Amino acid sequence: MTKRRATLARVLAGLIAFSPALGDGVKVRHSEGMAHGFLVLQSLGGETLADGDLIQTSRGDRVTSRLVFRFRDGSVHDETAVFTQAGSFRLVKDHLIQKGPSFPLSLDITIDSASGRVDVRSREKDGTEKVFSEQLELPPDISNGLIFTLLKNIPPSTERRELPMVASTPRPRLVKLVVTSAGDDALSIGGSTRKATHFIIKVDVGGIAGLVAPLIGKQPPDTHVWILPGEAPAFVRSEGPLAIDAPIWRIELVSPVWK
């Protein structure tokens, strides 16, 4: 091997060594366990639209996380994600139900990460129903149902992180979430001031659809999420849509009010 080729080989080896491996997933820096959080979903104008619960249970390295929003108009957002946390977070199964007047269409989506099977049942407001059963090549670091958990484990200094996700349009397709940090924003808790890391999530549709989407107004809006960093990172706020063509809603923690 010539000296020039040897040098090139060392450079390529260095690039491979310092590049994140595809599908490595988000490393577990803070394990999830038993939890029950109370949430409120509001319009950006401050109108309360839904009350929510985040309930987590764990057994060994397997966690079941259920996020439920019950809307004042009778709509429901109900998502249950089962995942493991041995080294990296891995989705096992995700089941999402959205129905009611607050959503553009009713959805029932089940994702089986191991088999790659995605089942979607959707219903338009006019009653038109569509059913899809797709076999997709799902990467091991699929992020459905895990966004808030993953953001708590992504270092605030991270400039960019890509997370694969299954989106329903209503036909299921694999898209990419591009996560970037926008720095820190101040908030107050009681009489003390804290700083939360502000993450911005962009949806990269990819392919021809990704090129056309911004031109026809179908590019999903960005989602903003605030995470309180530290020894035990915590979700504190998000602003973004919960479904394709849905409004931008704000989700925050809420404390019980005694009567």
Protein backbone atom coordinates (compact mmCIF):
# COMPACT_ATOMS: atom_id res chain seq x y z
CA MET A 1 0.00 0.00 0.00
CA THR A 2 1.41 3.39 -0.97
CA LYS A 3 1.91 6.10 1.61
CA ARG A 4 -0.93 8.15 0.05
CA ARG A 5 -3.37 5.24 0.18
CA ALA A 6 -2.40 4.44 3.76
CA THR A 7 -3.05 8.04 4.78
CA LEU A 8 -6.46 7.98 3.02
CA ALA A 9 -7.34 4.73 4.77
CA ARG A 10 -6.52 6.23 8.18
CA VAL A 11 -8.66 9.29 7.42
CA LEU A 12 -11.63 7.15 6.37
CA ALA A 13 -11.22 4.96 9.45
CA GLY A 14 -11.23 8.07 11.62
CA LEU A 15 -14.39 9.37 9.99
CA ILE A 16 -16.15 6.05 10.54
CA ALA A 17 -15.00 5.88 14.15
CA PHE A 18 -16.35 9.32 14.99
CA SER A 19 -19.61 9.10 12.97
CA PRO A 20 -22.75 7.97 14.82
CA ALA A 21 -23.78 4.52 13.64
CA LEU A 22 -27.06 4.33 11.78
CA GLY A 23 -29.84 3.03 14.00
CA ASP A 24 -27.78 3.26 17.19
CA GLY A 25 -30.70 4.94 18.90
CA VAL A 26 -30.72 7.41 21.75
CA LYS A 27 -28.59 6.14 24.61
CA VAL A 28 -30.26 5.72 27.99
CA ARG A 29 -28.85 8.42 30.25
CA HIS A 30 -31.90 8.60 32.52
CA SER A 31 -33.97 5.44 32.98
CA GLU A 32 -37.75 5.65 32.98
CA GLY A 33 -39.84 4.10 35.75
CA MET A 34 -43.12 4.39 37.60
CA ALA A 35 -44.75 7.79 37.00
CA HIS A 36 -48.09 9.60 36.75
CA GLY A 37 -48.09 13.14 35.41
CA PHE A 38 -50.99 15.54 34.86
CA LEU A 39 -51.13 17.62 31.69
CA VAL A 40 -53.28 20.29 30.11
CA LEU A 41 -53.72 20.90 26.37
CA GLN A 42 -54.56 24.44 25.29
CA SER A 43 -54.84 26.55 22.18
CA LEU A 44 -52.05 29.09 21.68
CA GLY A 45 -54.59 31.67 22.86
CA GLY A 46 -54.81 29.98 26.27
CA GLU A 47 -58.18 28.20 25.92
CA THR A 48 -58.18 24.82 27.70
CA LEU A 49 -59.22 22.11 25.25
CA ALA A 50 -58.28 18.87 26.99
CA ASP A 51 -57.02 17.35 30.24
CA GLY A 52 -54.34 14.69 30.10
CA ASP A 53 -52.61 11.92 31.99
CA LEU A 54 -49.19 10.39 31.37
CA ILE A 55 -48.99 7.02 33.11
CA GLN A 56 -45.85 4.85 33.10
CA THR A 57 -45.19 1.43 34.54
CA SER A 58 -42.02 -0.64 34.27
CA ARG A 59 -40.93 -4.22 34.68
CA GLY A 60 -37.25 -4.94 34.28
CA ASP A 61 -35.96 -2.93 31.33
CA ARG A 62 -39.42 -2.81 29.68
CA VAL A 63 -41.60 0.30 30.12
CA THR A 64 -45.23 0.90 29.16
CA SER A 65 -46.11 4.57 28.69
CA ARG A 66 -49.66 5.75 28.06
CA LEU A 67 -50.55 9.35 27.15
CA VAL A 68 -54.26 10.20 27.14
CA PHE A 69 -55.98 13.51 26.37
CA ARG A 70 -59.74 13.81 26.89
CA PHE A 71 -61.09 16.84 25.05
CA ARG A 72 -63.98 19.02 26.17
CA ASP A 73 -65.71 18.31 22.83
CA GLY A 74 -65.53 14.53 23.35
CA SER A 75 -62.42 13.94 21.23
CA VAL A 76 -59.74 11.53 22.44
CA HIS A 77 -56.01 11.16 21.89
CA ASP A 78 -54.82 7.88 23.40
CA GLU A 79 -51.32 6.50 22.73
CA THR A 80 -49.65 3.55 24.42
CA ALA A 81 -45.98 2.84 23.72
CA VAL A 82 -44.06 -0.19 24.98
CA PHE A 83 -40.29 0.15 24.86
CA THR A 84 -37.08 -1.25 26.31
CA GLN A 85 -34.23 0.73 27.82
CA ALA A 86 -31.22 -1.58 27.90
CA GLY A 87 -28.41 0.63 26.67
CA SER A 88 -30.56 2.45 24.09
CA PHE A 89 -34.29 3.11 23.86
CA ARG A 90 -36.05 0.63 21.56
CA LEU A 91 -39.73 0.75 20.66
CA VAL A 92 -41.50 -2.62 20.94
CA LYS A 93 -45.04 -1.58 20.05
CA ASP A 94 -47.04 1.61 19.67
CA HIS A 95 -50.82 1.98 19.50
CA LEU A 96 -52.38 5.37 18.75
CA ILE A 97 -56.08 6.23 18.74
CA GLN A 98 -57.35 9.67 17.69
CA LYS A 99 -61.04 10.37 17.24
CA GLY A 100 -63.55 13.19 17.55
CA PRO A 101 -64.21 16.63 16.05
CA SER A 102 -60.85 18.07 17.16
CA PHE A 103 -59.01 15.86 14.65
CA PRO A 104 -59.16 16.08 10.83
CA LEU A 105 -59.79 12.32 10.66
CA SER A 106 -60.15 9.44 13.09
CA LEU A 107 -57.10 7.17 13.30
CA ASP A 108 -56.26 3.81 14.83
CA ILE A 109 -52.59 2.93 14.22
CA THR A 110 -50.63 -0.04 15.52
CA ILE A 111 -46.87 -0.37 14.96
CA ASP A 112 -45.03 -3.62 15.69
CA SER A 113 -41.38 -2.70 15.62
CA ALA A 114 -39.95 -6.23 15.51
CA SER A 115 -42.00 -7.41 12.52
CA GLY A 116 -42.23 -4.02 10.77
CA ARG A 117 -46.00 -4.41 10.42
CA VAL A 118 -48.04 -1.19 10.53
CA ASP A 119 -51.85 -1.34 10.59
CA VAL A 120 -53.85 1.84 10.00
CA ARG A 121 -57.60 2.34 10.09
CA SER A 122 -58.80 5.86 9.30
CA ARG A 123 -62.18 7.50 8.90
CA GLU A 124 -62.84 10.86 7.23
CA LYS A 125 -65.43 13.26 8.61
CA ASP A 126 -67.77 12.23 5.77
CA GLY A 127 -67.59 8.62 6.94
CA THR A 128 -65.15 7.35 4.29
CA GLU A 129 -63.02 4.59 5.81
CA LYS A 130 -59.59 3.38 4.70
CA VAL A 131 -57.62 0.41 5.96
CA PHE A 132 -53.91 -0.18 5.35
CA SER A 133 -51.66 -3.02 6.45
CA GLU A 134 -48.08 -2.31 5.43
CA GLN A 135 -44.82 -4.17 5.92
CA LEU A 136 -42.13 -1.50 6.38
CA GLU A 137 -38.40 -1.76 6.95
CA LEU A 138 -38.42 -0.04 10.33
CA PRO A 139 -35.09 1.09 11.79
CA PRO A 140 -34.43 -0.07 15.36
CA ASP A 141 -34.50 3.53 16.65
CA ILE A 142 -38.08 4.30 15.57
CA SER A 143 -39.40 7.16 17.74
CA ASN A 144 -43.20 6.81 17.75
CA GLY A 145 -44.60 7.34 21.24
CA LEU A 146 -41.15 8.15 22.64
CA ILE A 147 -40.45 11.76 21.65
CA PHE A 148 -40.58 13.33 25.14
CA THR A 149 -38.59 10.42 26.60
CA LEU A 150 -35.90 10.67 23.93
CA LEU A 151 -35.55 14.44 24.31
CA LYS A 152 -34.88 14.00 28.03
CA ASN A 153 -31.91 11.85 27.05
CA ILE A 154 -30.48 13.96 24.23
CA PRO A 155 -27.74 16.26 25.57
CA PRO A 156 -28.72 19.98 25.43
CA SER A 157 -25.48 20.66 23.53
CA THR A 158 -26.54 18.43 20.63
CA GLU A 159 -26.63 20.52 17.46
CA ARG A 160 -28.64 18.06 15.36
CA ARG A 161 -30.21 14.66 15.83
CA GLU A 162 -32.32 12.68 13.37
CA LEU A 163 -35.08 10.36 14.60
CA PRO A 164 -37.08 8.08 12.26
CA MET A 165 -40.84 8.01 12.70
CA VAL A 166 -43.88 6.38 11.07
CA ALA A 167 -46.41 9.00 9.93
CA SER A 168 -49.93 8.28 8.70
CA THR A 169 -51.22 10.35 5.78
CA PRO A 170 -53.36 8.12 6.25
CA ARG A 171 -51.21 5.55 4.44
CA PRO A 172 -48.21 4.83 6.71
CA ARG A 173 -44.83 6.11 5.57
CA LEU A 174 -41.43 6.53 7.17
CA VAL A 175 -40.32 10.12 7.78
CA LYS A 176 -37.44 11.73 9.61
CA LEU A 177 -37.63 14.07 12.58
CA VAL A 178 -34.76 16.55 12.65
CA VAL A 179 -34.11 17.74 16.21
CA THR A 180 -32.04 20.85 16.89
CA SER A 181 -31.41 22.85 20.06
CA ALA A 182 -32.43 26.52 20.16
CA GLY A 183 -30.66 27.23 23.45
CA ASP A 184 -32.22 27.90 26.85
CA ASP A 185 -35.41 29.73 27.79
CA ALA A 186 -36.10 31.05 31.29
CA LEU A 187 -39.12 30.06 33.38
CA SER A 188 -40.08 30.41 37.02
CA ILE A 189 -41.11 27.72 39.47
CA GLY A 190 -42.47 29.22 42.65
CA GLY A 191 -40.07 32.06 43.41
CA SER A 192 -37.05 30.61 41.63
CA THR A 193 -35.90 31.05 38.05
CA ARG A 194 -34.91 28.02 36.01
CA LYS A 195 -33.77 27.43 32.44
CA ALA A 196 -35.25 24.86 30.08
CA THR A 197 -33.63 23.55 26.90
CA HIS A 198 -35.65 24.53 23.84
CA PHE A 199 -35.72 21.80 21.16
CA ILE A 200 -37.13 22.36 17.68
CA ILE A 201 -38.43 19.35 15.72
CA LYS A 202 -38.81 19.55 11.94
CA VAL A 203 -40.46 16.82 9.87
CA ASP A 204 -38.37 15.75 6.88
CA VAL A 205 -40.85 14.02 4.57
CA GLY A 206 -38.14 13.05 2.09
CA GLY A 207 -38.33 12.08 -1.58
CA ILE A 208 -40.48 13.82 -4.18
CA ALA A 209 -43.22 14.33 -1.58
CA GLY A 210 -40.77 16.26 0.56
CA LEU A 211 -39.91 18.59 -2.31
CA VAL A 212 -43.53 19.23 -3.21
CA ALA A 213 -44.97 19.56 0.32
CA PRO A 214 -43.74 23.13 1.03
CA LEU A 215 -45.04 24.28 -2.35
CA ILE A 216 -48.59 23.07 -1.73
CA GLY A 217 -48.71 24.07 1.95
CA LYS A 218 -48.56 20.49 3.27
CA GLN A 219 -45.20 20.72 5.04
CA PRO A 220 -45.97 19.98 8.73
CA PRO A 221 -45.22 22.90 11.05
CA ASP A 222 -42.33 22.68 13.50
CA THR A 223 -42.87 21.33 17.00
CA HIS A 224 -41.21 23.07 19.96
CA VAL A 225 -40.44 21.16 23.17
CA TRP A 226 -38.93 22.45 26.42
CA ILE A 227 -37.02 20.08 28.71
CA LEU A 228 -35.76 21.02 32.17
CA PRO A 229 -32.22 19.55 32.29
CA GLY A 230 -30.35 18.19 35.30
CA GLU A 231 -29.99 14.93 37.21
CA ALA A 232 -33.65 14.13 36.52
CA PRO A 233 -34.71 15.91 33.28
CA ALA A 234 -38.38 16.78 33.00
CA PHE A 235 -40.77 17.73 30.23
CA VAL A 236 -42.30 21.17 30.89
CA ARG A 237 -43.95 22.33 27.64
CA SER A 238 -44.54 21.60 23.96
CA GLU A 239 -46.15 23.49 21.08
CA GLY A 240 -47.07 21.66 17.92
CA PRO A 241 -49.73 19.58 16.13
CA LEU A 242 -50.75 16.12 17.32
CA ALA A 243 -51.81 15.03 13.83
CA ILE A 244 -51.44 15.92 10.16
CA ASP A 245 -53.42 19.11 9.38
CA ALA A 246 -54.28 19.55 13.08
CA PRO A 247 -53.88 22.96 14.81
CA ILE A 248 -50.84 23.86 16.87
CA TRP A 249 -51.62 23.12 20.52
CA ARG A 250 -49.71 23.78 23.72
CA ILE A 251 -49.14 21.01 26.26
CA GLU A 252 -47.94 21.80 29.79
CA LEU A 253 -47.70 20.23 33.21
CA VAL A 254 -50.52 21.08 35.59
CA SER A 255 -50.99 20.73 39.34
CA PRO A 256 -54.17 19.42 41.00
CA VAL A 257 -56.51 22.12 42.33
CA TRP A 258 -58.21 21.28 45.64
CA LYS A 259 -61.88 22.11 46.08
